C-alpha atoms as a PDB file:
ATOM      1  CA  UNK A   1      14.540   7.210  19.141  1.00  0.00           C
ATOM      2  CA  UNK A   2      14.082   3.347  19.733  1.00  0.00           C
ATOM      3  CA  UNK A   3      11.257   3.459  17.309  1.00  0.00           C
ATOM      4  CA  UNK A   4      13.614   5.456  14.527  1.00  0.00           C
ATOM      5  CA  UNK A   5      16.388   2.763  14.909  1.00  0.00           C
ATOM      6  CA  UNK A   6      14.084   0.035  14.429  1.00  0.00           C
ATOM      7  CA  UNK A   7      12.429   1.730  11.442  1.00  0.00           C
ATOM      8  CA  UNK A   8      15.906   2.127  10.149  1.00  0.00           C
ATOM      9  CA  UNK A   9      16.817  -1.354  10.383  1.00  0.00           C
ATOM     10  CA  UNK A  10      13.762  -2.508   8.728  1.00  0.00           C
ATOM     11  CA  UNK A  11      14.342  -0.201   5.866  1.00  0.00           C
ATOM     12  CA  UNK A  12      17.929  -1.481   5.791  1.00  0.00           C
ATOM     13  CA  UNK A  13      16.711  -5.220   5.428  1.00  0.00           C
ATOM     14  CA  UNK A  14      13.838  -4.158   3.097  1.00  0.00           C
ATOM     15  CA  UNK A  15      16.379  -2.575   0.848  1.00  0.00           C
ATOM     16  CA  UNK A  16      18.782  -5.550   0.913  1.00  0.00           C
ATOM     17  CA  UNK A  17      16.185  -7.550  -0.181  1.00  0.00           C
ATOM     18  CA  UNK A  18      16.396  -8.441  -4.083  1.00  0.00           C
ATOM     19  CA  UNK A  19      12.581  -9.097  -4.629  1.00  0.00           C
ATOM     20  CA  UNK A  20      12.385  -5.140  -4.362  1.00  0.00           C
ATOM     21  CA  UNK A  21      14.649  -4.149  -7.009  1.00  0.00           C
ATOM     22  CA  UNK A  22      13.112  -7.084  -9.083  1.00  0.00           C
ATOM     23  CA  UNK A  23       9.694  -5.449  -8.963  1.00  0.00           C
ATOM     24  CA  UNK A  24      10.866  -1.790  -9.390  1.00  0.00           C
ATOM     25  CA  UNK A  25      13.071  -3.092 -12.444  1.00  0.00           C
ATOM     26  CA  UNK A  26      10.012  -4.827 -13.778  1.00  0.00           C
ATOM     27  CA  UNK A  27       7.834  -1.548 -13.242  1.00  0.00           C
ATOM     28  CA  UNK A  28      10.276   0.354 -15.161  1.00  0.00           C
ATOM     29  CA  UNK A  29       9.903  -2.035 -18.029  1.00  0.00           C
ATOM     30  CA  UNK A  30       6.198  -1.977 -17.989  1.00  0.00           C
ATOM     31  CA  UNK A  31       6.471   1.697 -18.316  1.00  0.00           C
ATOM     32  CA  UNK A  32       8.682   1.386 -21.205  1.00  0.00           C
ATOM     33  CA  UNK A  33       6.301  -1.224 -22.741  1.00  0.00           C
ATOM     34  CA  UNK A  34       3.768   1.276 -22.245  1.00  0.00           C
ATOM     35  CA  UNK A  35       5.808   3.894 -24.337  1.00  0.00           C
ATOM     36  CA  UNK A  36       6.054   1.333 -26.883  1.00  0.00           C
ATOM     37  CA  UNK A  37       2.452   0.562 -27.087  1.00  0.00           C
ATOM     38  CA  UNK A  38       1.403   4.265 -26.701  1.00  0.00           C
ATOM     39  CA  UNK A  39       3.359   5.219 -30.169  1.00  0.00           C
ATOM     40  CA  UNK A  40       1.473   2.405 -31.571  1.00  0.00           C
ATOM     41  CA  UNK A  41      -1.850   3.881 -30.566  1.00  0.00           C
ATOM     42  CA  UNK A  42      -2.144   7.442 -32.190  1.00  0.00           C
ATOM     43  CA  UNK A  43      -3.782   9.794 -29.643  1.00  0.00           C
ATOM     44  CA  UNK A  44      -3.749   7.528 -26.631  1.00  0.00           C
ATOM     45  CA  UNK A  45      -0.016   7.701 -25.991  1.00  0.00           C
ATOM     46  CA  UNK A  46      -0.405   9.309 -22.510  1.00  0.00           C
ATOM     47  CA  UNK A  47      -3.544   7.653 -21.294  1.00  0.00           C
ATOM     48  CA  UNK A  48      -2.006   4.254 -21.847  1.00  0.00           C
ATOM     49  CA  UNK A  49       1.365   5.323 -20.074  1.00  0.00           C
ATOM     50  CA  UNK A  50      -0.302   6.781 -17.558  1.00  0.00           C
ATOM     51  CA  UNK A  51      -2.894   3.802 -16.812  1.00  0.00           C
ATOM     52  CA  UNK A  52      -0.372   0.914 -17.184  1.00  0.00           C
ATOM     53  CA  UNK A  53       2.496   2.785 -15.201  1.00  0.00           C
ATOM     54  CA  UNK A  54       0.050   3.923 -12.311  1.00  0.00           C
ATOM     55  CA  UNK A  55      -1.502   0.437 -12.221  1.00  0.00           C
ATOM     56  CA  UNK A  56       1.691  -1.415 -12.099  1.00  0.00           C
ATOM     57  CA  UNK A  57       2.649   0.990  -9.047  1.00  0.00           C
ATOM     58  CA  UNK A  58      -0.370   0.220  -7.285  1.00  0.00           C
ATOM     59  CA  UNK A  59      -0.065  -3.604  -7.856  1.00  0.00           C
ATOM     60  CA  UNK A  60       3.237  -4.008  -7.110  1.00  0.00           C
ATOM     61  CA  UNK A  61       3.103  -1.686  -4.269  1.00  0.00           C
ATOM     62  CA  UNK A  62       0.662  -3.900  -2.777  1.00  0.00           C
ATOM     63  CA  UNK A  63       2.694  -6.835  -3.195  1.00  0.00           C
ATOM     64  CA  UNK A  64       5.792  -5.450  -1.651  1.00  0.00           C
ATOM     65  CA  UNK A  65       3.173  -4.251   1.351  1.00  0.00           C
ATOM     66  CA  UNK A  66       1.656  -7.736   1.420  1.00  0.00           C
ATOM     67  CA  UNK A  67       4.693 -10.302   1.018  1.00  0.00           C
ATOM     68  CA  UNK A  68       7.209  -7.957   3.283  1.00  0.00           C
ATOM     69  CA  UNK A  69       4.794  -6.750   5.588  1.00  0.00           C
ATOM     70  CA  UNK A  70       3.580 -10.240   6.906  1.00  0.00           C
ATOM     71  CA  UNK A  71       7.307 -11.441   7.336  1.00  0.00           C
ATOM     72  CA  UNK A  72       8.190  -8.281   9.545  1.00  0.00           C
ATOM     73  CA  UNK A  73       7.237 -10.194  12.807  1.00  0.00           C
ATOM     74  CA  UNK A  74       7.450 -13.467  11.628  1.00  0.00           C
ATOM     75  CA  UNK A  75      11.275 -13.455  10.436  1.00  0.00           C
ATOM     76  CA  UNK A  76      11.933 -11.929  13.998  1.00  0.00           C
ATOM     77  CA  UNK A  77      10.545 -14.897  15.660  1.00  0.00           C
ATOM     78  CA  UNK A  78      12.155 -17.357  13.476  1.00  0.00           C
ATOM     79  CA  UNK A  79      15.243 -15.769  13.486  1.00  0.00           C
ATOM     80  CA  UNK A  80      14.924 -15.463  17.441  1.00  0.00           C
ATOM     81  CA  UNK A  81      16.306 -12.036  17.200  1.00  0.00           C
ATOM     82  CA  UNK A  82      12.852 -10.646  18.829  1.00  0.00           C
ATOM     83  CA  UNK A  83      13.960 -12.084  21.939  1.00  0.00           C
ATOM     84  CA  UNK A  84      17.110  -9.936  22.022  1.00  0.00           C
ATOM     85  CA  UNK A  85      14.978  -6.809  20.963  1.00  0.00           C
ATOM     86  CA  UNK A  86      12.611  -7.274  23.195  1.00  0.00           C
ATOM     87  CA  UNK A  87      15.045  -7.566  26.206  1.00  0.00           C
ATOM     88  CA  UNK A  88      16.096  -4.212  25.668  1.00  0.00           C
ATOM     89  CA  UNK A  89      13.826  -1.415  27.017  1.00  0.00           C
ATOM     90  CA  UNK A  90      11.865  -1.366  23.717  1.00  0.00           C
ATOM     91  CA  UNK A  91       7.835  -1.868  24.011  1.00  0.00           C
ATOM     92  CA  UNK A  92       5.880  -4.229  21.799  1.00  0.00           C
ATOM     93  CA  UNK A  93       4.104  -1.319  20.375  1.00  0.00           C
ATOM     94  CA  UNK A  94       7.806   0.346  19.385  1.00  0.00           C
ATOM     95  CA  UNK A  95       8.869  -2.490  17.998  1.00  0.00           C
ATOM     96  CA  UNK A  96       5.627  -2.858  15.602  1.00  0.00           C
ATOM     97  CA  UNK A  97       5.510   1.169  14.963  1.00  0.00           C
ATOM     98  CA  UNK A  98       8.954   0.848  13.814  1.00  0.00           C
ATOM     99  CA  UNK A  99       8.724  -1.963  11.461  1.00  0.00           C
ATOM    100  CA  UNK A 100       5.529  -0.325  10.004  1.00  0.00           C
ATOM    101  CA  UNK A 101       7.695   3.078   9.608  1.00  0.00           C
ATOM    102  CA  UNK A 102      10.538   1.056   7.747  1.00  0.00           C
ATOM    103  CA  UNK A 103       8.201  -0.311   5.492  1.00  0.00           C
ATOM    104  CA  UNK A 104       6.322   2.740   4.779  1.00  0.00           C
ATOM    105  CA  UNK A 105       9.932   4.247   3.829  1.00  0.00           C
ATOM    106  CA  UNK A 106      10.923   1.592   1.556  1.00  0.00           C
ATOM    107  CA  UNK A 107       7.395   1.883  -0.470  1.00  0.00           C
ATOM    108  CA  UNK A 108       7.852   5.710  -0.514  1.00  0.00           C
ATOM    109  CA  UNK A 109      11.352   5.200  -2.075  1.00  0.00           C
ATOM    110  CA  UNK A 110       9.949   3.014  -4.524  1.00  0.00           C
ATOM    111  CA  UNK A 111       6.779   4.695  -5.372  1.00  0.00           C
ATOM    112  CA  UNK A 112       9.028   7.762  -5.902  1.00  0.00           C
ATOM    113  CA  UNK A 113      11.171   5.703  -8.283  1.00  0.00           C
ATOM    114  CA  UNK A 114       8.094   4.514 -10.085  1.00  0.00           C
ATOM    115  CA  UNK A 115       6.590   7.822 -10.149  1.00  0.00           C
ATOM    116  CA  UNK A 116       9.695   9.726 -11.711  1.00  0.00           C
ATOM    117  CA  UNK A 117       9.647   6.855 -14.419  1.00  0.00           C
ATOM    118  CA  UNK A 118       6.008   7.269 -15.536  1.00  0.00           C
ATOM    119  CA  UNK A 119       6.933  11.153 -15.731  1.00  0.00           C
ATOM    120  CA  UNK A 120       9.909  10.602 -17.818  1.00  0.00           C
ATOM    121  CA  UNK A 121       8.025   8.571 -19.811  1.00  0.00           C
ATOM    122  CA  UNK A 122       5.262  11.221 -20.760  1.00  0.00           C
ATOM    123  CA  UNK A 123       8.058  13.556 -21.218  1.00  0.00           C
ATOM    124  CA  UNK A 124       9.675  11.392 -23.776  1.00  0.00           C
ATOM    125  CA  UNK A 125       6.750  10.472 -25.458  1.00  0.00           C
ATOM    126  CA  UNK A 126       5.626  14.004 -26.174  1.00  0.00           C
ATOM    127  CA  UNK A 127       9.130  14.980 -26.816  1.00  0.00           C
ATOM    128  CA  UNK A 128       9.178  17.681 -24.461  1.00  0.00           C
ATOM    129  CA  UNK A 129       7.411  18.881 -21.119  1.00  0.00           C
ATOM    130  CA  UNK A 130       3.844  17.612 -20.674  1.00  0.00           C
ATOM    131  CA  UNK A 131       1.528  18.998 -17.867  1.00  0.00           C
ATOM    132  CA  UNK A 132       0.518  15.498 -17.013  1.00  0.00           C
ATOM    133  CA  UNK A 133       3.977  14.713 -15.726  1.00  0.00           C
ATOM    134  CA  UNK A 134       3.189  16.821 -12.933  1.00  0.00           C
ATOM    135  CA  UNK A 135      -0.630  16.565 -12.646  1.00  0.00           C
ATOM    136  CA  UNK A 136      -0.404  12.605 -11.869  1.00  0.00           C
ATOM    137  CA  UNK A 137       1.588  13.357  -8.561  1.00  0.00           C
ATOM    138  CA  UNK A 138      -1.698  13.668  -6.663  1.00  0.00           C
ATOM    139  CA  UNK A 139      -2.635  10.204  -7.801  1.00  0.00           C
ATOM    140  CA  UNK A 140       0.793   8.825  -6.930  1.00  0.00           C
ATOM    141  CA  UNK A 141       0.252  10.173  -3.361  1.00  0.00           C
ATOM    142  CA  UNK A 142      -3.257   8.653  -2.867  1.00  0.00           C
ATOM    143  CA  UNK A 143      -1.457   5.368  -4.313  1.00  0.00           C
ATOM    144  CA  UNK A 144       1.236   5.646  -1.221  1.00  0.00           C
ATOM    145  CA  UNK A 145      -1.806   6.367   1.069  1.00  0.00           C
ATOM    146  CA  UNK A 146      -3.242   3.384   0.062  1.00  0.00           C
ATOM    147  CA  UNK A 147      -0.241   1.357   0.328  1.00  0.00           C
ATOM    148  CA  UNK A 148       0.512   2.544   3.878  1.00  0.00           C
ATOM    149  CA  UNK A 149      -2.821   1.097   4.816  1.00  0.00           C
ATOM    150  CA  UNK A 150      -2.373  -2.188   3.327  1.00  0.00           C
ATOM    151  CA  UNK A 151       1.127  -2.123   5.164  1.00  0.00           C
ATOM    152  CA  UNK A 152      -0.997  -1.766   8.777  1.00  0.00           C
ATOM    153  CA  UNK A 153      -3.589  -4.523   7.618  1.00  0.00           C
ATOM    154  CA  UNK A 154      -0.365  -7.142   6.756  1.00  0.00           C
ATOM    155  CA  UNK A 155       1.391  -6.023  10.062  1.00  0.00           C
ATOM    156  CA  UNK A 156      -1.900  -6.621  11.963  1.00  0.00           C
ATOM    157  CA  UNK A 157      -2.861 -10.174  10.431  1.00  0.00           C
ATOM    158  CA  UNK A 158       1.098 -10.905  10.972  1.00  0.00           C
ATOM    159  CA  UNK A 159       0.718 -10.480  14.560  1.00  0.00           C
ATOM    160  CA  UNK A 160      -1.673 -13.578  14.992  1.00  0.00           C
ATOM    161  CA  UNK A 161      -1.158 -15.765  11.778  1.00  0.00           C
ATOM    162  CA  UNK A 162       1.067 -17.455   9.549  1.00  0.00           C
ATOM    163  CA  UNK A 163       2.841 -15.594   6.568  1.00  0.00           C
ATOM    164  CA  UNK A 164       0.604 -17.687   4.099  1.00  0.00           C
ATOM    165  CA  UNK A 165      -2.325 -16.863   5.617  1.00  0.00           C
ATOM    166  CA  UNK A 166      -1.908 -13.408   6.672  1.00  0.00           C
ATOM    167  CA  UNK A 167      -0.548 -12.418   3.099  1.00  0.00           C
ATOM    168  CA  UNK A 168      -4.056 -14.315   1.722  1.00  0.00           C
ATOM    169  CA  UNK A 169      -6.225 -12.239   4.058  1.00  0.00           C
ATOM    170  CA  UNK A 170      -4.283  -8.907   3.354  1.00  0.00           C
ATOM    171  CA  UNK A 171      -5.064  -9.698  -0.150  1.00  0.00           C
ATOM    172  CA  UNK A 172      -8.695 -10.433   0.501  1.00  0.00           C
ATOM    173  CA  UNK A 173      -8.923  -7.030   2.412  1.00  0.00           C
ATOM    174  CA  UNK A 174      -7.453  -5.269  -0.742  1.00  0.00           C
ATOM    175  CA  UNK A 175      -9.899  -6.298  -3.074  1.00  0.00           C
ATOM    176  CA  UNK A 176     -12.628  -6.188  -0.684  1.00  0.00           C
ATOM    177  CA  UNK A 177     -11.944  -2.634   0.292  1.00  0.00           C
ATOM    178  CA  UNK A 178     -11.873  -1.588  -3.721  1.00  0.00           C
ATOM    179  CA  UNK A 179     -15.669  -2.675  -3.680  1.00  0.00           C
ATOM    180  CA  UNK A 180     -16.741  -1.199  -0.577  1.00  0.00           C
ATOM    181  CA  UNK A 181     -19.659   0.808  -2.367  1.00  0.00           C
ATOM    182  CA  UNK A 182     -20.842  -2.549  -3.556  1.00  0.00           C
ATOM    183  CA  UNK A 183     -21.003  -3.757   0.231  1.00  0.00           C
ATOM    184  CA  UNK A 184     -23.002  -0.915   1.238  1.00  0.00           C
ATOM    185  CA  UNK A 185     -25.807  -1.576  -1.765  1.00  0.00           C
ATOM    186  CA  UNK A 186     -25.675  -5.098  -0.737  1.00  0.00           C
ATOM    187  CA  UNK A 187     -26.500  -3.911   2.881  1.00  0.00           C
ATOM    188  CA  UNK A 188     -29.556  -1.711   2.059  1.00  0.00           C
ATOM    189  CA  UNK A 189     -30.848  -4.204  -0.819  1.00  0.00           C
ATOM    190  CA  UNK A 190     -30.640  -7.851   0.957  1.00  0.00           C
ATOM    191  CA  UNK A 191     -33.426  -9.707   1.859  1.00  0.00           C
ATOM    192  CA  UNK A 192     -31.774 -11.283   4.573  1.00  0.00           C
ATOM    193  CA  UNK A 193     -31.471  -9.472   7.860  1.00  0.00           C
ATOM    194  CA  UNK A 194     -28.472 -11.569   8.998  1.00  0.00           C
ATOM    195  CA  UNK A 195     -26.785 -10.632   5.167  1.00  0.00           C
ATOM    196  CA  UNK A 196     -27.549  -7.024   6.040  1.00  0.00           C
ATOM    197  CA  UNK A 197     -25.990  -6.866   9.287  1.00  0.00           C
ATOM    198  CA  UNK A 198     -22.859  -8.749   7.781  1.00  0.00           C
ATOM    199  CA  UNK A 199     -22.307  -6.517   4.952  1.00  0.00           C
ATOM    200  CA  UNK A 200     -22.854  -3.525   6.947  1.00  0.00           C
ATOM    201  CA  UNK A 201     -19.986  -4.757   9.525  1.00  0.00           C
ATOM    202  CA  UNK A 202     -17.820  -5.538   6.723  1.00  0.00           C
ATOM    203  CA  UNK A 203     -18.395  -2.042   4.937  1.00  0.00           C
ATOM    204  CA  UNK A 204     -17.611   0.072   7.977  1.00  0.00           C
ATOM    205  CA  UNK A 205     -14.931  -2.230   9.119  1.00  0.00           C
ATOM    206  CA  UNK A 206     -12.530  -2.755   6.220  1.00  0.00           C
ATOM    207  CA  UNK A 207     -11.189   0.236   4.521  1.00  0.00           C
ATOM    208  CA  UNK A 208     -12.748   1.930   1.874  1.00  0.00           C
ATOM    209  CA  UNK A 209     -10.041   2.058  -0.569  1.00  0.00           C
ATOM    210  CA  UNK A 210     -12.245   3.428  -3.475  1.00  0.00           C
ATOM    211  CA  UNK A 211     -11.181   6.951  -1.885  1.00  0.00           C
ATOM    212  CA  UNK A 212      -7.742   6.214  -3.309  1.00  0.00           C
ATOM    213  CA  UNK A 213      -8.783   5.032  -6.924  1.00  0.00           C
ATOM    214  CA  UNK A 214      -8.342   7.559  -9.015  1.00  0.00           C
ATOM    215  CA  UNK A 215      -6.138   6.170 -11.706  1.00  0.00           C
ATOM    216  CA  UNK A 216      -8.683   6.445 -14.548  1.00  0.00           C
ATOM    217  CA  UNK A 217      -9.286  10.217 -13.966  1.00  0.00           C
ATOM    218  CA  UNK A 218      -5.638  10.865 -13.803  1.00  0.00           C
ATOM    219  CA  UNK A 219      -5.293   9.034 -17.223  1.00  0.00           C
ATOM    220  CA  UNK A 220      -7.320  11.778 -18.502  1.00  0.00           C
ATOM    221  CA  UNK A 221      -5.801  14.683 -16.712  1.00  0.00           C
ATOM    222  CA  UNK A 222      -8.001  15.053 -13.993  1.00  0.00           C
ATOM    223  CA  UNK A 223      -6.409  15.626 -10.606  1.00  0.00           C
ATOM    224  CA  UNK A 224      -8.508  14.982  -6.974  1.00  0.00           C
ATOM    225  CA  UNK A 225      -8.888  18.435  -5.258  1.00  0.00           C
ATOM    226  CA  UNK A 226      -7.412  19.765  -2.249  1.00  0.00           C
ATOM    227  CA  UNK A 227     -10.096  18.515  -0.029  1.00  0.00           C
ATOM    228  CA  UNK A 228     -10.362  14.870  -1.303  1.00  0.00           C
ATOM    229  CA  UNK A 229      -6.339  14.857  -0.798  1.00  0.00           C
ATOM    230  CA  UNK A 230      -6.792  16.261   2.852  1.00  0.00           C
ATOM    231  CA  UNK A 231      -9.421  13.648   3.741  1.00  0.00           C
ATOM    232  CA  UNK A 232      -7.694  10.687   2.349  1.00  0.00           C
ATOM    233  CA  UNK A 233      -4.559  11.740   4.430  1.00  0.00           C
ATOM    234  CA  UNK A 234      -6.774  11.924   7.331  1.00  0.00           C
ATOM    235  CA  UNK A 235      -8.641   8.334   6.620  1.00  0.00           C
ATOM    236  CA  UNK A 236      -4.916   6.980   6.210  1.00  0.00           C
ATOM    237  CA  UNK A 237      -3.758   8.177   9.520  1.00  0.00           C
ATOM    238  CA  UNK A 238      -6.641   7.294  11.405  1.00  0.00           C
ATOM    239  CA  UNK A 239      -7.314   3.728   9.737  1.00  0.00           C
ATOM    240  CA  UNK A 240      -3.621   2.925  10.316  1.00  0.00           C
ATOM    241  CA  UNK A 241      -3.299   4.081  13.902  1.00  0.00           C
ATOM    242  CA  UNK A 242      -6.469   2.215  14.715  1.00  0.00           C
ATOM    243  CA  UNK A 243      -4.765  -1.023  13.158  1.00  0.00           C
ATOM    244  CA  UNK A 244      -1.298  -0.368  14.787  1.00  0.00           C
ATOM    245  CA  UNK A 245      -3.398  -0.285  18.234  1.00  0.00           C
ATOM    246  CA  UNK A 246      -5.305  -3.546  17.724  1.00  0.00           C
ATOM    247  CA  UNK A 247      -1.828  -5.174  16.485  1.00  0.00           C
ATOM    248  CA  UNK A 248      -0.199  -3.874  19.619  1.00  0.00           C
ATOM    249  CA  UNK A 249      -2.990  -5.378  21.775  1.00  0.00           C
ATOM    250  CA  UNK A 250      -2.550  -8.407  20.098  1.00  0.00           C
ATOM    251  CA  UNK A 251       1.160  -8.488  20.063  1.00  0.00           C
ATOM    252  CA  UNK A 252       1.238  -7.985  23.951  1.00  0.00           C
ATOM    253  CA  UNK A 253      -0.738 -10.537  24.597  1.00  0.00           C
ATOM    254  CA  UNK A 254       1.339 -13.439  22.965  1.00  0.00           C
ATOM    255  CA  UNK A 255       4.041 -15.473  24.870  1.00  0.00           C
ATOM    256  CA  UNK A 256       7.393 -15.489  23.233  1.00  0.00           C
ATOM    257  CA  UNK A 257       9.069 -17.594  26.114  1.00  0.00           C
END
């Protein structure tokens, strides 16, 4: 119940943040631009709309996860409201999980709004129902799962670092996570033993976000199969849980007196 209350308050705070509305508005405008570009490109309308729409959904979702996520703990410390919260029968782990769930709920609302926008754009460009309007939703689900992982990463860094450094580190994790396959190749082909160990550690330590990169197949009408989706869900849950556990350990060791 305490976790739910914290999550509800975190969601309300995020919704009151005008940045979220501006991001959603910008993405919807981008989808409108995709419709315009699609009409200029004969035969490529749906591909352009899905490509731009889902890419914008991912990028701006990551920005929300990073810039809101890294401030979840810092803002409470700066406002000194954290002391009042922790003085109540609320554990530090409950506080972090509540903040995490609140931001995940915010991202869910934003992803749903953007996804509906992309689907409506596809229906509009076809002047009627387009099967792709429903086929893109598995890809949207995978994008959301990736955002939940990045939220956990941002929250972890925010427990021991400044907001600026936390945002930078989280963005680096996002970039490297999309090239995890290259890390494995470097670990296998590098001539230096130290480099091989380093690349191998990074490969297993950082999230493998290539699993969630299905925007290009979605633009061609190819949806991920059920097994891939279930594995992606399991990976996101396990990885986020591990990150939240690590964040709780670090946060519990900090002295705010």
